[in-house]
Amino acid sequence: SDLDLPAQAEILELLLAIDRTDKGMLMITHDMSVALRMADRVLVMNDGCIVDNFKAEDIRSPERHEYTRNLLDANLSLCGNLWGIDFGGRNA
């Protein structure tokens, strides 16, 4: 989004605080660190097709699709690891 980082972080923390018992949330983002911080499951799409579908905790799996790895590498090279997520040796 066009929010500055402190505002984005505040909104994401508010979303995390919502009681998700019996509720679901769909979040669409290009920011892999946000997806991994917010989601239990991550679906990655490329050209309108799902190319990867995994539990967020499985991001370190070498079985991740090449497009997923490229998104992750791009995010880390542009932004660094803002959330302190263990990307399995990819903590730029």
Protein backbone atom coordinates (compact mmCIF):
# COMPACT_ATOMS: atom_id res chain seq x y z
CA SER A 1 0.00 0.00 0.00
CA ASP A 2 0.99 3.65 -0.12
CA LEU A 3 1.14 3.86 3.66
CA ASP A 4 4.41 4.75 5.31
CA LEU A 5 6.03 1.86 7.18
CA PRO A 6 4.95 2.87 10.72
CA ALA A 7 1.32 3.26 9.62
CA GLN A 8 1.43 -0.03 7.70
CA ALA A 9 2.91 -1.82 10.72
CA GLU A 10 0.23 -0.37 13.01
CA ILE A 11 -2.60 -1.53 10.74
CA LEU A 12 -1.09 -4.99 10.36
CA GLU A 13 -0.73 -5.31 14.13
CA LEU A 14 -4.40 -4.32 14.54
CA LEU A 15 -5.39 -6.99 12.02
CA LEU A 16 -3.32 -9.56 13.91
CA ALA A 17 -5.09 -8.63 17.14
CA ILE A 18 -8.54 -9.46 15.74
CA ASP A 19 -9.99 -12.62 17.23
CA ARG A 20 -9.96 -14.94 14.21
CA THR A 21 -11.93 -17.72 15.87
CA ASP A 22 -14.53 -18.79 13.32
CA LYS A 23 -13.36 -16.07 10.94
CA GLY A 24 -11.21 -15.94 7.85
CA MET A 25 -9.31 -13.15 6.20
CA LEU A 26 -8.17 -12.76 2.61
CA MET A 27 -5.18 -10.49 2.13
CA ILE A 28 -3.77 -9.64 -1.28
CA THR A 29 -0.23 -8.28 -1.35
CA HIS A 30 3.00 -8.27 -3.33
CA ASP A 31 4.99 -8.08 -0.08
CA MET A 32 6.08 -11.58 0.91
CA SER A 33 7.14 -10.45 4.38
CA VAL A 34 3.61 -9.13 5.02
CA ALA A 35 2.06 -12.34 3.66
CA LEU A 36 4.28 -14.49 5.86
CA ARG A 37 3.65 -12.33 8.93
CA MET A 38 -0.12 -12.25 8.52
CA ALA A 39 -1.09 -15.58 7.00
CA ASP A 40 -1.35 -19.19 8.06
CA ARG A 41 -1.41 -20.21 4.38
CA VAL A 42 0.09 -18.43 1.38
CA LEU A 43 -1.00 -18.80 -2.24
CA VAL A 44 1.27 -17.26 -4.85
CA MET A 45 -0.17 -16.33 -8.23
CA ASN A 46 1.62 -15.57 -11.48
CA ASP A 47 -0.28 -14.51 -14.61
CA GLY A 48 -3.60 -15.38 -12.96
CA CYS A 49 -2.60 -18.93 -12.01
CA ILE A 50 -1.75 -20.29 -8.58
CA VAL A 51 1.86 -21.45 -8.78
CA ASP A 52 2.49 -22.12 -5.08
CA ASN A 53 0.31 -23.01 -2.08
CA PHE A 54 1.93 -23.60 1.30
CA LYS A 55 1.79 -23.04 5.04
CA ALA A 56 3.60 -19.81 5.89
CA GLU A 57 5.91 -21.74 8.20
CA ASP A 58 7.10 -23.78 5.19
CA ILE A 59 8.64 -20.81 3.33
CA ARG A 60 12.10 -22.29 3.89
CA SER A 61 11.26 -25.41 1.90
CA PRO A 62 13.48 -25.84 -1.16
CA GLU A 63 10.32 -27.01 -2.95
CA ARG A 64 9.01 -23.43 -3.28
CA HIS A 65 8.17 -22.45 -6.85
CA GLU A 66 10.77 -20.34 -8.68
CA TYR A 67 8.35 -17.37 -8.87
CA THR A 68 7.85 -17.52 -5.08
CA ARG A 69 11.62 -17.54 -4.55
CA ASN A 70 11.98 -14.57 -6.91
CA LEU A 71 9.29 -12.60 -5.03
CA LEU A 72 11.01 -13.36 -1.76
CA ASP A 73 14.45 -12.36 -3.07
CA ALA A 74 13.05 -9.12 -4.56
CA ASN A 75 11.33 -8.22 -1.30
CA LEU A 76 14.47 -8.85 0.73
CA SER A 77 16.70 -6.90 -1.64
CA LEU A 78 14.36 -3.86 -1.66
CA CYS A 79 13.18 -3.78 1.94
CA GLY A 80 15.33 -6.06 4.01
CA ASN A 81 13.77 -8.27 6.61
CA LEU A 82 11.48 -5.77 8.35
CA TRP A 83 9.63 -8.40 10.38
CA GLY A 84 12.57 -10.56 11.43
CA ILE A 85 11.18 -13.62 9.64
CA ASP A 86 13.45 -16.66 9.26
CA PHE A 87 13.65 -17.10 5.50
CA GLY A 88 16.08 -19.99 5.71
CA GLY A 89 19.34 -18.15 5.05
CA ARG A 90 17.74 -15.44 2.88
CA ASN A 91 17.80 -12.66 5.50
CA ALA A 92 19.12 -9.80 3.36
